[in-house]
Amino acid sequence: MSEPTQPKLSPDPSDVVRPRVVRRRYLIDPKRQLRTAVVTTSLTATLVFAVNVGFHMLRSLQTAFIAAAAPQLTPLLEKQGATFSLSMILISVALVIAVALTTIVQTHHTAGAVHAVRQRFERVREGDLQVMLKLRQRDTLQDLEAPFNEMVAALRDRAVEDAEALEKLAVRAAEIGPKGSELAADLSAMAQHKRQVGT
């Protein structure tokens, strides 16, 4: 006759099928995300402006040198210079916008992860030990996912163990007699609550 196997107190986080996480808002923490985007974009715009000024000065010197050697090319050089300047401006604006959008996306991966972790901790604080942390593939703080889920699983196991200990104490209290009956009832209620939390 085979011995009965001990039931697993809490599921392994890796065994649970977890839903795909979708965040519909890119501004999870607007204040911090926009501040980071403004700082990054401002720095990029300053560097782009400095590069544009340098190219403009270099282009002007080159145009003046060629125009001095061949004055008949001056209209063509001026037209090319205007086209070059317009192209540089458009490229610079596109680059600054791209940096701003990229910064928002990148800060979204951090702010979203922080929001998810904070939300799960709040649920654990309220006594929900069935909560599970699932971050998206590109989110930062990925290293917190497994330890958090292991911590919650350990808390569930501890809650079940506490419930069993309280039930044993309730039985012993009931054996004391009438005076222990009330204590036994209280201990049984506490054990029931612990078991509900842990399962």
N, C-alpha and C. Protein backbone atom coordinates (compact mmCIF):
# COMPACT_ATOMS: atom_id res chain seq x y z
N MET A 1 0.85 -1.18 0.00
CA MET A 1 0.00 0.00 0.00
C MET A 1 0.88 1.23 0.00
N SER A 2 0.67 2.08 -0.94
CA SER A 2 1.53 3.26 -1.06
C SER A 2 1.14 4.31 -0.05
N GLU A 3 2.12 5.03 0.45
CA GLU A 3 1.86 6.10 1.42
C GLU A 3 1.27 7.31 0.72
N PRO A 4 0.31 7.97 1.37
CA PRO A 4 -0.28 9.17 0.74
C PRO A 4 0.76 10.27 0.64
N THR A 5 0.74 10.94 -0.46
CA THR A 5 1.69 12.04 -0.67
C THR A 5 1.17 13.30 -0.02
N GLN A 6 2.09 14.11 0.48
CA GLN A 6 1.72 15.38 1.10
C GLN A 6 1.27 16.36 0.04
N PRO A 7 0.12 17.02 0.22
CA PRO A 7 -0.31 18.01 -0.78
C PRO A 7 0.60 19.22 -0.78
N LYS A 8 0.75 19.80 -1.92
CA LYS A 8 1.58 21.00 -2.06
C LYS A 8 0.83 22.18 -1.48
N LEU A 9 1.44 22.88 -0.54
CA LEU A 9 0.73 23.95 0.16
C LEU A 9 0.44 25.14 -0.73
N SER A 10 1.35 25.49 -1.59
CA SER A 10 1.11 26.63 -2.48
C SER A 10 1.74 26.34 -3.83
N PRO A 11 1.09 26.80 -4.91
CA PRO A 11 1.60 26.48 -6.24
C PRO A 11 2.90 27.21 -6.53
N ASP A 12 3.74 26.53 -7.26
CA ASP A 12 4.97 27.16 -7.72
C ASP A 12 4.61 28.22 -8.76
N PRO A 13 5.12 29.46 -8.59
CA PRO A 13 4.78 30.51 -9.56
C PRO A 13 5.05 30.12 -11.00
N SER A 14 6.04 29.27 -11.23
CA SER A 14 6.35 28.89 -12.61
C SER A 14 5.32 27.92 -13.18
N ASP A 15 4.50 27.28 -12.27
CA ASP A 15 3.49 26.33 -12.74
C ASP A 15 2.18 27.01 -13.13
N VAL A 16 2.03 28.26 -12.75
CA VAL A 16 0.76 28.96 -12.97
C VAL A 16 0.79 29.66 -14.32
N VAL A 17 -0.29 29.48 -15.09
CA VAL A 17 -0.40 30.17 -16.38
C VAL A 17 -0.78 31.61 -16.09
N ARG A 18 0.07 32.53 -16.48
CA ARG A 18 -0.16 33.93 -16.16
C ARG A 18 -0.64 34.68 -17.39
N PRO A 19 -1.61 35.58 -17.22
CA PRO A 19 -2.12 36.34 -18.36
C PRO A 19 -1.09 37.34 -18.87
N ARG A 20 -1.23 37.69 -20.12
CA ARG A 20 -0.34 38.69 -20.72
C ARG A 20 -0.65 40.06 -20.14
N VAL A 21 0.39 40.77 -19.73
CA VAL A 21 0.20 42.08 -19.11
C VAL A 21 0.11 43.14 -20.20
N VAL A 22 -0.94 43.95 -20.16
CA VAL A 22 -1.12 45.02 -21.13
C VAL A 22 -1.34 46.32 -20.38
N ARG A 23 -0.56 47.32 -20.71
CA ARG A 23 -0.77 48.65 -20.14
C ARG A 23 -1.20 49.58 -21.24
N ARG A 24 -2.34 50.23 -21.05
CA ARG A 24 -2.90 51.07 -22.10
C ARG A 24 -2.40 52.50 -22.04
N ARG A 25 -1.78 52.88 -20.93
CA ARG A 25 -1.30 54.26 -20.78
C ARG A 25 0.23 54.26 -20.77
N TYR A 26 0.81 55.18 -21.53
CA TYR A 26 2.27 55.31 -21.50
C TYR A 26 2.72 56.21 -20.37
N LEU A 27 1.87 57.11 -19.93
CA LEU A 27 2.22 57.99 -18.82
C LEU A 27 1.66 57.41 -17.53
N ILE A 28 2.39 56.43 -16.98
CA ILE A 28 1.99 55.81 -15.72
C ILE A 28 2.26 56.78 -14.57
N ASP A 29 3.41 57.43 -14.61
CA ASP A 29 3.78 58.43 -13.62
C ASP A 29 4.12 59.71 -14.39
N PRO A 30 3.10 60.49 -14.79
CA PRO A 30 3.31 61.63 -15.69
C PRO A 30 4.38 62.61 -15.23
N LYS A 31 4.39 62.93 -13.95
CA LYS A 31 5.33 63.94 -13.45
C LYS A 31 6.78 63.52 -13.69
N ARG A 32 7.12 62.32 -13.26
CA ARG A 32 8.51 61.85 -13.41
C ARG A 32 8.85 61.57 -14.87
N GLN A 33 7.93 60.94 -15.58
CA GLN A 33 8.21 60.60 -16.98
C GLN A 33 8.39 61.85 -17.83
N LEU A 34 7.52 62.83 -17.66
CA LEU A 34 7.63 64.06 -18.46
C LEU A 34 8.87 64.85 -18.07
N ARG A 35 9.21 64.85 -16.79
CA ARG A 35 10.42 65.56 -16.35
C ARG A 35 11.66 64.93 -16.98
N THR A 36 11.71 63.61 -16.98
CA THR A 36 12.84 62.93 -17.61
C THR A 36 12.88 63.22 -19.11
N ALA A 37 11.71 63.19 -19.74
CA ALA A 37 11.64 63.46 -21.19
C ALA A 37 12.09 64.88 -21.49
N VAL A 38 11.69 65.85 -20.66
CA VAL A 38 12.07 67.25 -20.89
C VAL A 38 13.58 67.41 -20.75
N VAL A 39 14.15 66.82 -19.70
CA VAL A 39 15.60 66.94 -19.49
C VAL A 39 16.36 66.31 -20.65
N THR A 40 15.98 65.09 -21.03
CA THR A 40 16.67 64.39 -22.11
C THR A 40 16.52 65.13 -23.44
N THR A 41 15.30 65.59 -23.71
CA THR A 41 15.05 66.29 -24.97
C THR A 41 15.79 67.62 -25.01
N SER A 42 15.83 68.31 -23.89
CA SER A 42 16.55 69.60 -23.84
C SER A 42 18.03 69.40 -24.10
N LEU A 43 18.60 68.37 -23.49
CA LEU A 43 20.02 68.09 -23.71
C LEU A 43 20.27 67.74 -25.17
N THR A 44 19.39 66.91 -25.74
CA THR A 44 19.53 66.53 -27.15
C THR A 44 19.40 67.74 -28.06
N ALA A 45 18.42 68.61 -27.78
CA ALA A 45 18.20 69.81 -28.59
C ALA A 45 19.42 70.73 -28.53
N THR A 46 20.02 70.84 -27.34
CA THR A 46 21.22 71.69 -27.19
C THR A 46 22.37 71.15 -28.03
N LEU A 47 22.58 69.84 -27.95
CA LEU A 47 23.65 69.23 -28.74
C LEU A 47 23.39 69.35 -30.24
N VAL A 48 22.14 69.14 -30.64
CA VAL A 48 21.79 69.25 -32.06
C VAL A 48 21.98 70.68 -32.54
N PHE A 49 21.61 71.65 -31.71
CA PHE A 49 21.79 73.05 -32.07
C PHE A 49 23.27 73.37 -32.27
N ALA A 50 24.11 72.88 -31.34
CA ALA A 50 25.55 73.11 -31.45
C ALA A 50 26.10 72.48 -32.73
N VAL A 51 25.65 71.28 -33.05
CA VAL A 51 26.11 70.63 -34.28
C VAL A 51 25.67 71.42 -35.51
N ASN A 52 24.42 71.90 -35.49
CA ASN A 52 23.90 72.68 -36.62
C ASN A 52 24.68 73.98 -36.82
N VAL A 53 25.00 74.64 -35.70
CA VAL A 53 25.79 75.87 -35.80
C VAL A 53 27.16 75.58 -36.40
N GLY A 54 27.77 74.49 -35.94
CA GLY A 54 29.08 74.12 -36.47
C GLY A 54 29.03 73.82 -37.96
N PHE A 55 28.01 73.06 -38.39
CA PHE A 55 27.86 72.76 -39.82
C PHE A 55 27.59 74.02 -40.63
N HIS A 56 26.77 74.92 -40.05
CA HIS A 56 26.45 76.16 -40.77
C HIS A 56 27.70 77.01 -40.97
N MET A 57 28.50 77.12 -39.91
CA MET A 57 29.74 77.92 -40.03
C MET A 57 30.68 77.28 -41.05
N LEU A 58 30.82 75.97 -40.99
CA LEU A 58 31.69 75.27 -41.92
C LEU A 58 31.19 75.43 -43.36
N ARG A 59 29.87 75.31 -43.52
CA ARG A 59 29.28 75.46 -44.85
C ARG A 59 29.45 76.88 -45.38
N SER A 60 29.31 77.87 -44.50
CA SER A 60 29.47 79.27 -44.92
C SER A 60 30.90 79.55 -45.38
N LEU A 61 31.86 79.02 -44.61
CA LEU A 61 33.27 79.22 -44.99
C LEU A 61 33.55 78.55 -46.33
N GLN A 62 33.03 77.35 -46.52
CA GLN A 62 33.24 76.63 -47.77
C GLN A 62 32.60 77.36 -48.94
N THR A 63 31.39 77.88 -48.75
CA THR A 63 30.69 78.62 -49.80
C THR A 63 31.44 79.89 -50.16
N ALA A 64 31.92 80.60 -49.14
CA ALA A 64 32.66 81.85 -49.38
C ALA A 64 33.95 81.57 -50.16
N PHE A 65 34.61 80.46 -49.80
CA PHE A 65 35.86 80.12 -50.49
C PHE A 65 35.61 79.79 -51.96
N ILE A 66 34.56 78.98 -52.23
CA ILE A 66 34.24 78.61 -53.61
C ILE A 66 33.75 79.82 -54.39
N ALA A 67 32.91 80.67 -53.74
CA ALA A 67 32.38 81.86 -54.41
C ALA A 67 33.49 82.82 -54.78
N ALA A 68 34.52 82.91 -53.93
CA ALA A 68 35.64 83.79 -54.24
C ALA A 68 36.42 83.28 -55.44
N ALA A 69 36.51 81.95 -55.58
CA ALA A 69 37.24 81.37 -56.69
C ALA A 69 36.40 81.35 -57.97
N ALA A 70 35.08 81.15 -57.82
CA ALA A 70 34.19 81.07 -58.99
C ALA A 70 32.90 81.82 -58.68
N PRO A 71 32.87 83.16 -58.88
CA PRO A 71 31.69 83.97 -58.53
C PRO A 71 30.42 83.53 -59.26
N GLN A 72 30.55 82.94 -60.45
CA GLN A 72 29.37 82.53 -61.21
C GLN A 72 28.61 81.38 -60.53
N LEU A 73 29.25 80.71 -59.58
CA LEU A 73 28.60 79.61 -58.86
C LEU A 73 27.84 80.07 -57.60
N THR A 74 27.91 81.38 -57.31
CA THR A 74 27.29 81.90 -56.07
C THR A 74 25.81 81.58 -55.98
N PRO A 75 24.97 81.83 -57.02
CA PRO A 75 23.53 81.49 -56.90
C PRO A 75 23.28 80.01 -56.62
N LEU A 76 24.07 79.16 -57.31
CA LEU A 76 23.90 77.72 -57.10
C LEU A 76 24.30 77.33 -55.68
N LEU A 77 25.40 77.92 -55.20
CA LEU A 77 25.86 77.63 -53.85
C LEU A 77 24.84 78.10 -52.80
N GLU A 78 24.25 79.27 -53.04
CA GLU A 78 23.25 79.78 -52.10
C GLU A 78 22.01 78.87 -52.06
N LYS A 79 21.61 78.38 -53.25
CA LYS A 79 20.47 77.48 -53.32
C LYS A 79 20.77 76.17 -52.60
N GLN A 80 21.97 75.64 -52.83
CA GLN A 80 22.36 74.40 -52.15
C GLN A 80 22.45 74.61 -50.64
N GLY A 81 22.95 75.80 -50.25
CA GLY A 81 23.05 76.12 -48.82
C GLY A 81 21.69 76.18 -48.15
N ALA A 82 20.70 76.78 -48.85
CA ALA A 82 19.36 76.86 -48.30
C ALA A 82 18.74 75.47 -48.16
N THR A 83 18.95 74.65 -49.20
CA THR A 83 18.43 73.28 -49.15
C THR A 83 19.08 72.48 -48.03
N PHE A 84 20.39 72.66 -47.89
CA PHE A 84 21.13 71.94 -46.83
C PHE A 84 20.64 72.39 -45.45
N SER A 85 20.45 73.69 -45.28
CA SER A 85 19.99 74.21 -43.97
C SER A 85 18.60 73.69 -43.63
N LEU A 86 17.70 73.69 -44.63
CA LEU A 86 16.36 73.19 -44.40
C LEU A 86 16.38 71.70 -44.04
N SER A 87 17.23 70.94 -44.74
CA SER A 87 17.34 69.51 -44.45
C SER A 87 17.85 69.27 -43.03
N MET A 88 18.85 70.05 -42.63
CA MET A 88 19.40 69.91 -41.29
C MET A 88 18.36 70.25 -40.22
N ILE A 89 17.56 71.28 -40.48
CA ILE A 89 16.52 71.67 -39.51
C ILE A 89 15.48 70.55 -39.38
N LEU A 90 15.03 70.03 -40.52
CA LEU A 90 14.03 68.96 -40.48
C LEU A 90 14.57 67.71 -39.78
N ILE A 91 15.82 67.36 -40.10
CA ILE A 91 16.43 66.19 -39.46
C ILE A 91 16.56 66.41 -37.96
N SER A 92 16.96 67.63 -37.58
CA SER A 92 17.15 67.94 -36.16
C SER A 92 15.82 67.86 -35.41
N VAL A 93 14.76 68.43 -36.00
CA VAL A 93 13.44 68.38 -35.36
C VAL A 93 12.97 66.93 -35.21
N ALA A 94 13.16 66.15 -36.28
CA ALA A 94 12.76 64.74 -36.22
C ALA A 94 13.55 63.99 -35.15
N LEU A 95 14.84 64.30 -35.03
CA LEU A 95 15.68 63.64 -34.03
C LEU A 95 15.22 63.99 -32.62
N VAL A 96 14.93 65.27 -32.38
CA VAL A 96 14.49 65.70 -31.05
C VAL A 96 13.15 65.04 -30.69
N ILE A 97 12.23 64.99 -31.65
CA ILE A 97 10.94 64.35 -31.40
C ILE A 97 11.12 62.85 -31.12
N ALA A 98 12.00 62.22 -31.90
CA ALA A 98 12.26 60.79 -31.70
C ALA A 98 12.85 60.53 -30.31
N VAL A 99 13.76 61.39 -29.88
CA VAL A 99 14.35 61.24 -28.54
C VAL A 99 13.28 61.40 -27.47
N ALA A 100 12.40 62.39 -27.64
CA ALA A 100 11.34 62.62 -26.66
C ALA A 100 10.42 61.40 -26.56
N LEU A 101 10.00 60.87 -27.71
CA LEU A 101 9.10 59.71 -27.71
C LEU A 101 9.79 58.47 -27.15
N THR A 102 11.06 58.29 -27.52
CA THR A 102 11.81 57.14 -27.00
C THR A 102 11.97 57.22 -25.49
N THR A 103 12.20 58.43 -24.99
CA THR A 103 12.33 58.61 -23.55
C THR A 103 11.03 58.26 -22.83
N ILE A 104 9.90 58.69 -23.42
CA ILE A 104 8.60 58.36 -22.82
C ILE A 104 8.40 56.85 -22.77
N VAL A 105 8.76 56.18 -23.88
CA VAL A 105 8.59 54.72 -23.93
C VAL A 105 9.48 54.03 -22.91
N GLN A 106 10.74 54.48 -22.82
CA GLN A 106 11.67 53.85 -21.89
C GLN A 106 11.27 54.09 -20.44
N THR A 107 10.86 55.33 -20.12
CA THR A 107 10.43 55.60 -18.75
C THR A 107 9.14 54.85 -18.43
N HIS A 108 8.35 54.57 -19.47
CA HIS A 108 7.12 53.79 -19.27
C HIS A 108 7.45 52.39 -18.76
N HIS A 109 8.52 51.81 -19.27
CA HIS A 109 8.90 50.47 -18.83
C HIS A 109 9.35 50.46 -17.37
N THR A 110 9.94 51.58 -16.93
CA THR A 110 10.33 51.67 -15.52
C THR A 110 9.16 52.04 -14.63
N ALA A 111 8.43 53.10 -15.02
CA ALA A 111 7.30 53.55 -14.21
C ALA A 111 6.23 52.47 -14.11
N GLY A 112 5.99 51.77 -15.20
CA GLY A 112 5.00 50.70 -15.18
C GLY A 112 5.39 49.58 -14.24
N ALA A 113 6.68 49.23 -14.26
CA ALA A 113 7.15 48.17 -13.36
C ALA A 113 7.04 48.60 -11.90
N VAL A 114 7.42 49.83 -11.61
CA VAL A 114 7.33 50.35 -10.23
C VAL A 114 5.87 50.35 -9.77
N HIS A 115 4.98 50.79 -10.66
CA HIS A 115 3.55 50.82 -10.34
C HIS A 115 3.03 49.41 -10.05
N ALA A 116 3.43 48.45 -10.88
CA ALA A 116 2.97 47.07 -10.68
C ALA A 116 3.47 46.50 -9.35
N VAL A 117 4.75 46.76 -9.03
CA VAL A 117 5.32 46.24 -7.78
C VAL A 117 4.63 46.89 -6.58
N ARG A 118 4.44 48.22 -6.64
CA ARG A 118 3.79 48.92 -5.54
C ARG A 118 2.35 48.42 -5.33
N GLN A 119 1.66 48.19 -6.44
CA GLN A 119 0.27 47.71 -6.37
C GLN A 119 0.20 46.33 -5.73
N ARG A 120 1.13 45.44 -6.10
CA ARG A 120 1.13 44.09 -5.53
C ARG A 120 1.48 44.12 -4.04
N PHE A 121 2.43 44.97 -3.66
CA PHE A 121 2.78 45.08 -2.24
C PHE A 121 1.57 45.57 -1.43
N GLU A 122 0.80 46.49 -1.99
CA GLU A 122 -0.38 46.99 -1.32
C GLU A 122 -1.40 45.88 -1.11
N ARG A 123 -1.55 45.03 -2.12
CA ARG A 123 -2.50 43.92 -2.00
C ARG A 123 -2.03 42.90 -0.96
N VAL A 124 -0.71 42.67 -0.89
CA VAL A 124 -0.18 41.77 0.14
C VAL A 124 -0.41 42.38 1.52
N ARG A 125 -0.20 43.69 1.63
CA ARG A 125 -0.41 44.37 2.91
C ARG A 125 -1.86 44.23 3.37
N GLU A 126 -2.78 44.19 2.41
CA GLU A 126 -4.20 44.05 2.74
C GLU A 126 -4.59 42.60 3.01
N GLY A 127 -3.64 41.68 2.87
CA GLY A 127 -3.90 40.28 3.20
C GLY A 127 -4.16 39.38 2.02
N ASP A 128 -3.99 39.87 0.80
CA ASP A 128 -4.20 39.05 -0.40
C ASP A 128 -2.90 38.32 -0.74
N LEU A 129 -2.86 37.04 -0.41
CA LEU A 129 -1.65 36.26 -0.67
C LEU A 129 -1.77 35.42 -1.93
N GLN A 130 -2.82 35.67 -2.72
CA GLN A 130 -2.95 35.01 -4.02
C GLN A 130 -2.41 35.89 -5.14
N VAL A 131 -1.92 37.05 -4.79
CA VAL A 131 -1.42 37.99 -5.78
C VAL A 131 -0.14 37.46 -6.40
N MET A 132 0.09 37.83 -7.65
CA MET A 132 1.29 37.38 -8.35
C MET A 132 1.83 38.54 -9.19
N LEU A 133 3.13 38.71 -9.18
CA LEU A 133 3.76 39.77 -9.95
C LEU A 133 4.19 39.23 -11.30
N LYS A 134 3.70 39.86 -12.36
CA LYS A 134 4.11 39.49 -13.72
C LYS A 134 4.45 40.77 -14.47
N LEU A 135 5.73 40.96 -14.74
CA LEU A 135 6.18 42.13 -15.47
C LEU A 135 6.29 41.79 -16.95
N ARG A 136 6.22 42.83 -17.77
CA ARG A 136 6.34 42.61 -19.20
C ARG A 136 7.80 42.36 -19.56
N GLN A 137 8.00 41.81 -20.74
CA GLN A 137 9.34 41.36 -21.15
C GLN A 137 10.35 42.50 -21.14
N ARG A 138 9.92 43.70 -21.56
CA ARG A 138 10.86 44.82 -21.65
C ARG A 138 10.88 45.70 -20.41
N ASP A 139 10.10 45.36 -19.41
CA ASP A 139 10.08 46.16 -18.19
C ASP A 139 11.41 46.06 -17.45
N THR A 140 11.74 47.14 -16.77
CA THR A 140 12.88 47.08 -15.85
C THR A 140 12.41 46.37 -14.57
N LEU A 141 13.32 46.20 -13.63
CA LEU A 141 13.03 45.53 -12.35
C LEU A 141 12.62 44.07 -12.54
N GLN A 142 13.04 43.47 -13.65
CA GLN A 142 12.71 42.06 -13.89
C GLN A 142 13.24 41.16 -12.77
N ASP A 143 14.35 41.57 -12.15
CA ASP A 143 14.95 40.74 -11.10
C ASP A 143 14.07 40.65 -9.86
N LEU A 144 13.06 41.53 -9.74
CA LEU A 144 12.19 41.49 -8.58
C LEU A 144 11.04 40.50 -8.73
N GLU A 145 10.76 40.09 -9.96
CA GLU A 145 9.56 39.27 -10.20
C GLU A 145 9.62 37.94 -9.46
N ALA A 146 10.67 37.17 -9.69
CA ALA A 146 10.77 35.84 -9.06
C ALA A 146 10.86 35.94 -7.53
N PRO A 147 11.73 36.82 -6.96
CA PRO A 147 11.77 36.92 -5.49
C PRO A 147 10.44 37.34 -4.88
N PHE A 148 9.71 38.24 -5.55
CA PHE A 148 8.42 38.66 -5.01
C PHE A 148 7.44 37.49 -4.97
N ASN A 149 7.35 36.75 -6.07
CA ASN A 149 6.43 35.62 -6.12
C ASN A 149 6.83 34.53 -5.14
N GLU A 150 8.14 34.33 -4.95
CA GLU A 150 8.60 33.35 -3.97
C GLU A 150 8.25 33.81 -2.55
N MET A 151 8.36 35.12 -2.30
CA MET A 151 8.02 35.65 -0.98
C MET A 151 6.54 35.42 -0.67
N VAL A 152 5.67 35.71 -1.66
CA VAL A 152 4.24 35.53 -1.44
C VAL A 152 3.91 34.05 -1.24
N ALA A 153 4.57 33.17 -2.01
CA ALA A 153 4.35 31.73 -1.84
C ALA A 153 4.77 31.28 -0.44
N ALA A 154 5.89 31.83 0.05
CA ALA A 154 6.34 31.49 1.40
C ALA A 154 5.35 31.99 2.45
N LEU A 155 4.78 33.19 2.22
CA LEU A 155 3.78 33.71 3.16
C LEU A 155 2.52 32.84 3.16
N ARG A 156 2.14 32.33 1.96
CA ARG A 156 0.99 31.43 1.90
C ARG A 156 1.26 30.15 2.70
N ASP A 157 2.45 29.58 2.49
CA ASP A 157 2.82 28.36 3.22
C ASP A 157 2.82 28.62 4.73
N ARG A 158 3.35 29.78 5.11
CA ARG A 158 3.41 30.12 6.54
C ARG A 158 2.00 30.28 7.10
N ALA A 159 1.09 30.87 6.32
CA ALA A 159 -0.29 31.04 6.79
C ALA A 159 -0.95 29.69 7.03
N VAL A 160 -0.71 28.73 6.12
CA VAL A 160 -1.29 27.39 6.29
C VAL A 160 -0.68 26.69 7.51
N GLU A 161 0.62 26.84 7.69
CA GLU A 161 1.27 26.25 8.87
C GLU A 161 0.74 26.86 10.15
N ASP A 162 0.55 28.18 10.15
CA ASP A 162 -0.01 28.85 11.33
C ASP A 162 -1.42 28.36 11.61
N ALA A 163 -2.19 28.14 10.54
CA ALA A 163 -3.56 27.65 10.72
C ALA A 163 -3.56 26.27 11.37
N GLU A 164 -2.64 25.40 10.93
CA GLU A 164 -2.56 24.07 11.53
C GLU A 164 -2.15 24.14 13.00
N ALA A 165 -1.21 25.05 13.30
CA ALA A 165 -0.77 25.20 14.69
C ALA A 165 -1.90 25.73 15.57
N LEU A 166 -2.67 26.68 15.04
CA LEU A 166 -3.79 27.23 15.80
C LEU A 166 -4.88 26.19 16.03
N GLU A 167 -5.11 25.34 15.02
CA GLU A 167 -6.11 24.29 15.18
C GLU A 167 -5.68 23.29 16.27
N LYS A 168 -4.40 22.97 16.33
CA LYS A 168 -3.91 22.08 17.39
C LYS A 168 -4.08 22.71 18.76
N LEU A 169 -3.79 24.03 18.82
CA LEU A 169 -3.97 24.72 20.10
C LEU A 169 -5.44 24.76 20.50
N ALA A 170 -6.33 24.93 19.48
CA ALA A 170 -7.77 24.95 19.78
C ALA A 170 -8.22 23.62 20.37
N VAL A 171 -7.69 22.53 19.80
CA VAL A 171 -8.05 21.20 20.32
C VAL A 171 -7.58 21.05 21.76
N ARG A 172 -6.36 21.49 22.04
CA ARG A 172 -5.82 21.40 23.40
C ARG A 172 -6.59 22.29 24.36
N ALA A 173 -7.00 23.49 23.86
CA ALA A 173 -7.76 24.39 24.72
C ALA A 173 -9.13 23.80 25.05
N ALA A 174 -9.74 23.14 24.06
CA ALA A 174 -11.06 22.54 24.30
C ALA A 174 -10.98 21.43 25.33
N GLU A 175 -9.82 20.77 25.43
CA GLU A 175 -9.66 19.67 26.39
C GLU A 175 -9.56 20.17 27.83
N ILE A 176 -9.29 21.47 27.99
CA ILE A 176 -9.15 22.03 29.34
C ILE A 176 -10.48 21.98 30.09
N GLY A 177 -11.55 22.20 29.31
CA GLY A 177 -12.86 22.20 29.95
C GLY A 177 -13.66 23.41 29.51
N PRO A 178 -14.70 23.73 30.29
CA PRO A 178 -15.56 24.85 29.91
C PRO A 178 -14.81 26.17 29.76
N LYS A 179 -13.81 26.38 30.60
CA LYS A 179 -13.06 27.64 30.53
C LYS A 179 -12.25 27.75 29.24
N GLY A 180 -11.88 26.62 28.69
CA GLY A 180 -11.09 26.65 27.47
C GLY A 180 -11.91 26.66 26.19
N SER A 181 -13.21 26.49 26.34
CA SER A 181 -14.06 26.43 25.14
C SER A 181 -14.07 27.74 24.38
N GLU A 182 -14.16 28.83 25.13
CA GLU A 182 -14.17 30.14 24.46
C GLU A 182 -12.84 30.40 23.76
N LEU A 183 -11.75 30.06 24.45
CA LEU A 183 -10.43 30.21 23.84
C LEU A 183 -10.30 29.32 22.61
N ALA A 184 -10.83 28.11 22.68
CA ALA A 184 -10.77 27.19 21.55
C ALA A 184 -11.53 27.74 20.36
N ALA A 185 -12.69 28.36 20.65
CA ALA A 185 -13.48 28.95 19.56
C ALA A 185 -12.71 30.08 18.90
N ASP A 186 -12.07 30.92 19.72
CA ASP A 186 -11.28 32.03 19.16
C ASP A 186 -10.11 31.50 18.33
N LEU A 187 -9.44 30.49 18.85
CA LEU A 187 -8.31 29.92 18.12
C LEU A 187 -8.78 29.28 16.81
N SER A 188 -9.92 28.63 16.82
CA SER A 188 -10.45 28.02 15.60
C SER A 188 -10.80 29.08 14.56
N ALA A 189 -11.35 30.21 15.03
CA ALA A 189 -11.68 31.30 14.11
C ALA A 189 -10.42 31.88 13.49
N MET A 190 -9.39 32.05 14.31
CA MET A 190 -8.12 32.55 13.79
C MET A 190 -7.51 31.56 12.80
N ALA A 191 -7.62 30.28 13.09
CA ALA A 191 -7.09 29.26 12.19
C ALA A 191 -7.83 29.27 10.86
N GLN A 192 -9.15 29.44 10.92
CA GLN A 192 -9.94 29.49 9.70
C GLN A 192 -9.55 30.68 8.84
N HIS A 193 -9.34 31.82 9.51
CA HIS A 193 -8.92 33.03 8.78
C HIS A 193 -7.56 32.82 8.12
N LYS A 194 -6.63 32.25 8.86
CA LYS A 194 -5.29 31.99 8.32
C LYS A 194 -5.36 31.04 7.13
N ARG A 195 -6.22 30.01 7.23
CA ARG A 195 -6.33 29.04 6.15
C ARG A 195 -6.94 29.69 4.91
N GLN A 196 -7.89 30.57 5.11
CA GLN A 196 -8.48 31.28 3.96
C GLN A 196 -7.45 32.17 3.27
N VAL A 197 -6.62 32.80 4.06
CA VAL A 197 -5.58 33.66 3.49
C VAL A 197 -4.57 32.85 2.71
N GLY A 198 -4.24 31.67 3.21
CA GLY A 198 -3.19 30.88 2.60
C GLY A 198 -3.63 29.98 1.45
N THR A 199 -4.94 29.88 1.23
CA THR A 199 -5.39 29.00 0.16
C THR A 199 -6.26 29.75 -0.83
